[in-house]
Each structure stands twice: as structure tokens, then as C-alpha cells.
């Protein structure tokens, strides 16, 4: 079993609120009398706390595991792969049309299965 990876979804972050939180911090008094390394540690701590509060977490999904399939769908997927290989051998328009029909059929079947 794979370990579940939880990541930050930076696209959905509330950066206006994050900016307000960080602007409240008085850097002059916060960093007064400290060395550069200590200042950096404090800065990283403050920004990571703001990130914790304002950027939501997400759990990525593996799309290949989510494709529901039955025997018919698997057969059409194999057929599609074979037709693609045949098309790549001689690059005829007829073989490409056959491949497109199989590709569209597989797409329809997988969409239908996902909706169920």
C-alpha cells in the first residue's frame, strides 16, 4: 500500500488574508538584536504558520486506479492499442479511422462506467 501524500493546494490559497497576517508582524522589533540565521528561522516560522492557516491541503488521486473497467472495456482498450500499432506501421488513413473509432468507443465506455 502506498503512503498517502497530502500536499498544499496553492491555487486555492487565500493570499489576501495571508498578506494581512504577515503585514501585522513588526519586523523591526521581531528581528532586533538577532543574527541573520535566527532572523531567517523566525521568518520561515511565520510564513509557514500563515501558509498552514490560509492554503488548503489536497490529496492527489491516481487517475489510473480510478478507471472502472469490466471485461468489455479492457478488450476495447487492447483493440485500440493494437490498431494504433498497425496505424504506425504503414500510416494509412483507413487504419487511422479504425483507431479513431476504437478510441472514441473506449472513451464512451469509460465515461459511462465513471458515471455509474
N, C-alpha and C. Protein backbone atom coordinates (compact mmCIF):
# COMPACT_ATOMS: atom_id res chain seq x y z
N UNK A 1 0.84 -1.19 0.00
CA UNK A 1 0.00 0.00 0.00
C UNK A 1 0.88 1.24 0.00
N UNK A 2 0.55 2.19 -0.85
CA UNK A 2 1.33 3.41 -0.93
C UNK A 2 0.98 4.34 0.22
N UNK A 3 1.97 5.12 0.65
CA UNK A 3 1.68 6.10 1.69
C UNK A 3 0.92 7.26 1.06
N UNK A 4 -0.05 7.77 1.78
CA UNK A 4 -0.87 8.85 1.28
C UNK A 4 -0.09 10.16 1.39
N UNK A 5 0.02 10.87 0.28
CA UNK A 5 0.74 12.13 0.25
C UNK A 5 -0.28 13.26 0.27
N UNK A 6 -0.17 14.13 1.25
CA UNK A 6 -1.06 15.28 1.33
C UNK A 6 -0.23 16.50 0.97
N UNK A 7 -0.71 17.25 0.00
CA UNK A 7 0.02 18.42 -0.49
C UNK A 7 -0.80 19.68 -0.29
N UNK A 8 -0.16 20.79 -0.42
CA UNK A 8 -0.84 22.08 -0.35
C UNK A 8 -1.40 22.42 -1.73
N UNK A 9 -2.62 22.91 -1.75
CA UNK A 9 -3.25 23.34 -2.99
C UNK A 9 -3.08 24.86 -3.09
N UNK A 10 -1.95 25.29 -3.63
CA UNK A 10 -1.61 26.71 -3.67
C UNK A 10 -2.53 27.51 -4.60
N UNK A 11 -3.21 26.85 -5.52
CA UNK A 11 -4.13 27.55 -6.40
C UNK A 11 -5.34 28.10 -5.64
N UNK A 12 -5.71 27.45 -4.55
CA UNK A 12 -6.88 27.85 -3.80
C UNK A 12 -6.53 28.63 -2.54
N UNK A 13 -5.29 29.07 -2.42
CA UNK A 13 -4.85 29.80 -1.23
C UNK A 13 -5.52 31.17 -1.13
N UNK A 14 -5.77 31.60 0.11
CA UNK A 14 -6.34 32.92 0.38
C UNK A 14 -5.18 33.87 0.65
N UNK A 15 -4.61 34.41 -0.41
CA UNK A 15 -3.39 35.19 -0.29
C UNK A 15 -3.62 36.59 0.26
N UNK A 16 -4.81 37.12 0.11
CA UNK A 16 -5.12 38.44 0.69
C UNK A 16 -5.08 38.36 2.21
N UNK A 17 -5.71 37.35 2.78
CA UNK A 17 -5.69 37.17 4.24
C UNK A 17 -4.28 36.86 4.72
N UNK A 18 -3.57 36.09 3.95
CA UNK A 18 -2.19 35.75 4.30
C UNK A 18 -1.33 37.01 4.33
N UNK A 19 -1.54 37.89 3.35
CA UNK A 19 -0.80 39.14 3.29
C UNK A 19 -1.12 40.02 4.50
N UNK A 20 -2.40 40.06 4.90
CA UNK A 20 -2.79 40.84 6.08
C UNK A 20 -2.11 40.30 7.33
N UNK A 21 -2.13 38.98 7.50
CA UNK A 21 -1.49 38.38 8.67
C UNK A 21 0.00 38.69 8.73
N UNK A 22 0.66 38.64 7.60
CA UNK A 22 2.10 38.90 7.58
C UNK A 22 2.42 40.38 7.72
N UNK A 23 1.50 41.26 7.30
CA UNK A 23 1.76 42.70 7.44
C UNK A 23 1.61 43.18 8.88
N UNK A 24 0.88 42.44 9.69
CA UNK A 24 0.71 42.80 11.10
C UNK A 24 2.02 42.63 11.88
N UNK A 25 2.86 41.73 11.45
CA UNK A 25 4.11 41.44 12.15
C UNK A 25 5.04 42.65 12.05
N UNK A 26 5.56 43.09 13.20
CA UNK A 26 6.50 44.20 13.26
C UNK A 26 7.91 43.63 13.15
N UNK A 27 8.47 43.68 11.95
CA UNK A 27 9.77 43.05 11.69
C UNK A 27 10.89 43.72 12.47
N UNK A 28 10.82 45.04 12.65
CA UNK A 28 11.90 45.75 13.36
C UNK A 28 12.04 45.24 14.79
N UNK A 29 10.92 45.13 15.50
CA UNK A 29 11.01 44.67 16.89
C UNK A 29 11.23 43.15 16.96
N UNK A 30 10.70 42.44 15.97
CA UNK A 30 10.82 40.98 15.95
C UNK A 30 12.26 40.53 15.71
N UNK A 31 12.97 41.24 14.83
CA UNK A 31 14.32 40.82 14.45
C UNK A 31 15.42 41.61 15.16
N UNK A 32 15.05 42.48 16.06
CA UNK A 32 16.04 43.35 16.72
C UNK A 32 17.05 42.55 17.54
N UNK A 33 18.32 42.79 17.26
CA UNK A 33 19.41 42.17 18.02
C UNK A 33 19.66 40.71 17.69
N UNK A 34 19.11 40.21 16.60
CA UNK A 34 19.30 38.80 16.26
C UNK A 34 20.29 38.65 15.10
N UNK A 35 20.87 37.50 15.02
CA UNK A 35 21.78 37.18 13.91
C UNK A 35 20.93 36.81 12.68
N UNK A 36 21.57 36.80 11.51
CA UNK A 36 20.86 36.54 10.26
C UNK A 36 20.20 35.16 10.26
N UNK A 37 20.88 34.15 10.78
CA UNK A 37 20.32 32.79 10.80
C UNK A 37 19.07 32.74 11.68
N UNK A 38 19.10 33.44 12.82
CA UNK A 38 17.94 33.46 13.71
C UNK A 38 16.77 34.21 13.06
N UNK A 39 17.10 35.30 12.36
CA UNK A 39 16.05 36.05 11.65
C UNK A 39 15.39 35.18 10.59
N UNK A 40 16.21 34.43 9.88
CA UNK A 40 15.68 33.54 8.84
C UNK A 40 14.77 32.47 9.45
N UNK A 41 15.17 31.91 10.58
CA UNK A 41 14.34 30.90 11.25
C UNK A 41 12.98 31.48 11.65
N UNK A 42 12.98 32.69 12.20
CA UNK A 42 11.73 33.33 12.61
C UNK A 42 10.87 33.62 11.38
N UNK A 43 11.49 34.12 10.32
CA UNK A 43 10.76 34.42 9.08
C UNK A 43 10.11 33.16 8.51
N UNK A 44 10.86 32.08 8.46
CA UNK A 44 10.33 30.82 7.93
C UNK A 44 9.18 30.32 8.80
N UNK A 45 9.33 30.44 10.11
CA UNK A 45 8.27 30.01 11.03
C UNK A 45 6.99 30.81 10.81
N UNK A 46 7.12 32.13 10.68
CA UNK A 46 5.93 32.99 10.49
C UNK A 46 5.25 32.70 9.15
N UNK A 47 6.03 32.55 8.08
CA UNK A 47 5.42 32.28 6.77
C UNK A 47 4.80 30.89 6.71
N UNK A 48 5.42 29.92 7.36
CA UNK A 48 4.84 28.57 7.34
C UNK A 48 3.55 28.52 8.16
N UNK A 49 3.47 29.29 9.26
CA UNK A 49 2.22 29.35 10.02
C UNK A 49 1.11 30.00 9.19
N UNK A 50 1.46 31.06 8.45
CA UNK A 50 0.47 31.71 7.59
C UNK A 50 0.02 30.76 6.48
N UNK A 51 0.96 29.99 5.95
CA UNK A 51 0.62 29.02 4.91
C UNK A 51 -0.31 27.95 5.47
N UNK A 52 -0.04 27.48 6.67
CA UNK A 52 -0.90 26.48 7.32
C UNK A 52 -2.33 26.98 7.43
N UNK A 53 -2.49 28.26 7.79
CA UNK A 53 -3.82 28.81 8.01
C UNK A 53 -4.57 29.13 6.72
N UNK A 54 -3.85 29.54 5.68
CA UNK A 54 -4.54 30.11 4.51
C UNK A 54 -4.44 29.30 3.22
N UNK A 55 -3.66 28.23 3.20
CA UNK A 55 -3.56 27.41 1.99
C UNK A 55 -4.09 26.02 2.33
N UNK A 56 -5.17 25.60 1.67
CA UNK A 56 -5.77 24.30 1.99
C UNK A 56 -4.90 23.13 1.52
N UNK A 57 -5.14 21.99 2.13
CA UNK A 57 -4.43 20.76 1.75
C UNK A 57 -5.28 19.98 0.76
N UNK A 58 -4.61 19.21 -0.08
CA UNK A 58 -5.34 18.34 -1.01
C UNK A 58 -4.62 17.01 -1.10
N UNK A 59 -5.37 16.01 -1.45
CA UNK A 59 -4.82 14.67 -1.59
C UNK A 59 -4.93 14.27 -3.06
N UNK A 60 -3.80 14.18 -3.76
CA UNK A 60 -3.87 13.84 -5.19
C UNK A 60 -4.38 12.43 -5.40
N UNK A 61 -5.09 12.25 -6.51
CA UNK A 61 -5.62 10.93 -6.85
C UNK A 61 -4.82 10.35 -8.00
N UNK A 62 -4.71 9.06 -8.01
CA UNK A 62 -4.07 8.38 -9.12
C UNK A 62 -5.16 8.05 -10.13
N UNK A 63 -5.12 8.69 -11.28
CA UNK A 63 -6.19 8.54 -12.26
C UNK A 63 -6.27 7.12 -12.81
N UNK A 64 -5.15 6.44 -12.92
CA UNK A 64 -5.17 5.09 -13.49
C UNK A 64 -5.90 4.11 -12.58
N UNK A 65 -5.82 4.32 -11.28
CA UNK A 65 -6.52 3.43 -10.36
C UNK A 65 -8.02 3.69 -10.36
N UNK A 66 -8.43 4.88 -10.76
CA UNK A 66 -9.84 5.25 -10.67
C UNK A 66 -10.66 4.85 -11.89
N UNK A 67 -10.02 4.32 -12.92
CA UNK A 67 -10.77 3.95 -14.11
C UNK A 67 -11.50 2.63 -13.85
N UNK A 68 -12.82 2.67 -13.75
CA UNK A 68 -13.54 1.43 -13.57
C UNK A 68 -13.56 0.66 -14.89
N UNK A 69 -13.33 -0.61 -14.81
CA UNK A 69 -13.31 -1.36 -16.06
C UNK A 69 -13.96 -2.72 -15.87
N UNK A 70 -14.52 -3.20 -16.94
CA UNK A 70 -15.04 -4.55 -16.99
C UNK A 70 -14.38 -5.25 -18.16
N UNK A 71 -14.78 -6.45 -18.44
CA UNK A 71 -14.14 -7.25 -19.49
C UNK A 71 -14.27 -6.58 -20.86
N UNK A 72 -15.44 -6.05 -21.14
CA UNK A 72 -15.68 -5.41 -22.44
C UNK A 72 -14.76 -4.19 -22.63
N UNK A 73 -14.64 -3.37 -21.61
CA UNK A 73 -13.80 -2.17 -21.70
C UNK A 73 -12.34 -2.54 -21.91
N UNK A 74 -11.87 -3.53 -21.18
CA UNK A 74 -10.47 -3.95 -21.31
C UNK A 74 -10.20 -4.48 -22.72
N UNK A 75 -11.15 -5.22 -23.27
CA UNK A 75 -10.99 -5.73 -24.64
C UNK A 75 -10.89 -4.58 -25.65
N UNK A 76 -11.73 -3.56 -25.48
CA UNK A 76 -11.68 -2.42 -26.40
C UNK A 76 -10.38 -1.63 -26.23
N UNK A 77 -9.87 -1.53 -25.02
CA UNK A 77 -8.60 -0.83 -24.80
C UNK A 77 -7.48 -1.57 -25.51
N UNK A 78 -7.46 -2.89 -25.39
CA UNK A 78 -6.43 -3.68 -26.09
C UNK A 78 -6.56 -3.53 -27.60
N UNK A 79 -7.80 -3.55 -28.08
CA UNK A 79 -8.04 -3.38 -29.52
C UNK A 79 -7.52 -2.01 -29.98
N UNK A 80 -7.79 -1.00 -29.18
CA UNK A 80 -7.33 0.35 -29.53
C UNK A 80 -5.80 0.39 -29.64
N UNK A 81 -5.11 -0.24 -28.69
CA UNK A 81 -3.64 -0.26 -28.74
C UNK A 81 -3.13 -1.01 -29.98
N UNK A 82 -3.76 -2.13 -30.29
CA UNK A 82 -3.35 -2.88 -31.49
C UNK A 82 -3.56 -2.05 -32.76
N UNK A 83 -4.70 -1.38 -32.84
CA UNK A 83 -4.98 -0.56 -34.02
C UNK A 83 -3.99 0.59 -34.15
N UNK A 84 -3.59 1.16 -33.03
CA UNK A 84 -2.59 2.24 -33.08
C UNK A 84 -1.26 1.71 -33.62
N UNK A 85 -0.87 0.52 -33.15
CA UNK A 85 0.39 -0.06 -33.63
C UNK A 85 0.32 -0.34 -35.14
N UNK A 86 -0.82 -0.84 -35.60
CA UNK A 86 -0.98 -1.11 -37.03
C UNK A 86 -0.95 0.18 -37.84
N UNK A 87 -1.56 1.22 -37.30
CA UNK A 87 -1.53 2.51 -37.99
C UNK A 87 -0.10 3.04 -38.08
N UNK A 88 0.67 2.90 -37.01
CA UNK A 88 2.04 3.42 -37.00
C UNK A 88 2.95 2.64 -37.96
N UNK A 89 2.59 1.40 -38.28
CA UNK A 89 3.40 0.62 -39.22
C UNK A 89 3.33 1.18 -40.63
N UNK A 90 2.12 1.50 -41.11
CA UNK A 90 2.01 1.95 -42.50
C UNK A 90 1.37 3.32 -42.68
N UNK A 91 0.86 3.93 -41.64
CA UNK A 91 0.32 5.29 -41.66
C UNK A 91 -0.78 5.49 -42.71
N UNK A 92 -1.66 4.51 -42.85
CA UNK A 92 -2.75 4.66 -43.81
C UNK A 92 -3.95 5.35 -43.14
N UNK A 93 -4.72 6.05 -43.95
CA UNK A 93 -5.88 6.77 -43.43
C UNK A 93 -6.95 5.80 -42.93
N UNK A 94 -7.07 4.68 -43.59
CA UNK A 94 -8.06 3.68 -43.20
C UNK A 94 -7.77 3.15 -41.79
N UNK A 95 -6.51 2.83 -41.53
CA UNK A 95 -6.13 2.33 -40.20
C UNK A 95 -6.35 3.41 -39.14
N UNK A 96 -6.10 4.66 -39.50
CA UNK A 96 -6.29 5.75 -38.55
C UNK A 96 -7.77 5.91 -38.21
N UNK A 97 -8.65 5.77 -39.20
CA UNK A 97 -10.09 5.85 -38.95
C UNK A 97 -10.55 4.72 -38.02
N UNK A 98 -10.03 3.52 -38.25
CA UNK A 98 -10.37 2.40 -37.36
C UNK A 98 -9.91 2.69 -35.94
N UNK A 99 -8.70 3.22 -35.82
CA UNK A 99 -8.17 3.57 -34.49
C UNK A 99 -9.06 4.62 -33.83
N UNK A 100 -9.47 5.64 -34.58
CA UNK A 100 -10.31 6.70 -34.02
C UNK A 100 -11.65 6.16 -33.52
N UNK A 101 -12.22 5.23 -34.27
CA UNK A 101 -13.48 4.63 -33.84
C UNK A 101 -13.29 3.87 -32.53
N UNK A 102 -12.20 3.12 -32.44
CA UNK A 102 -11.93 2.36 -31.21
C UNK A 102 -11.63 3.31 -30.05
N UNK A 103 -10.88 4.38 -30.32
CA UNK A 103 -10.55 5.36 -29.29
C UNK A 103 -11.82 6.00 -28.73
N UNK A 104 -12.73 6.39 -29.62
CA UNK A 104 -13.97 7.02 -29.19
C UNK A 104 -14.85 6.05 -28.41
N UNK A 105 -14.86 4.79 -28.84
CA UNK A 105 -15.65 3.77 -28.14
C UNK A 105 -15.12 3.58 -26.71
N UNK A 106 -13.79 3.52 -26.57
CA UNK A 106 -13.18 3.36 -25.24
C UNK A 106 -13.52 4.57 -24.37
N UNK A 107 -13.46 5.74 -24.96
CA UNK A 107 -13.77 6.96 -24.20
C UNK A 107 -15.22 6.94 -23.72
N UNK A 108 -16.14 6.53 -24.60
CA UNK A 108 -17.55 6.45 -24.21
C UNK A 108 -17.77 5.44 -23.10
N UNK A 109 -17.13 4.26 -23.24
CA UNK A 109 -17.30 3.21 -22.23
C UNK A 109 -16.77 3.65 -20.87
N UNK A 110 -15.59 4.27 -20.85
CA UNK A 110 -15.02 4.68 -19.56
C UNK A 110 -15.83 5.81 -18.93
N UNK A 111 -16.33 6.73 -19.75
CA UNK A 111 -17.17 7.80 -19.19
C UNK A 111 -18.44 7.23 -18.60
N UNK A 112 -19.04 6.28 -19.32
CA UNK A 112 -20.28 5.66 -18.85
C UNK A 112 -20.04 4.93 -17.53
N UNK A 113 -18.91 4.23 -17.43
CA UNK A 113 -18.60 3.49 -16.20
C UNK A 113 -18.34 4.43 -15.03
N UNK A 114 -17.71 5.56 -15.30
CA UNK A 114 -17.44 6.52 -14.22
C UNK A 114 -18.73 7.10 -13.67
N UNK A 115 -19.73 7.31 -14.54
CA UNK A 115 -20.99 7.89 -14.11
C UNK A 115 -21.81 6.92 -13.27
N UNK A 116 -21.60 5.63 -13.48
CA UNK A 116 -22.40 4.63 -12.75
C UNK A 116 -22.05 4.58 -11.29
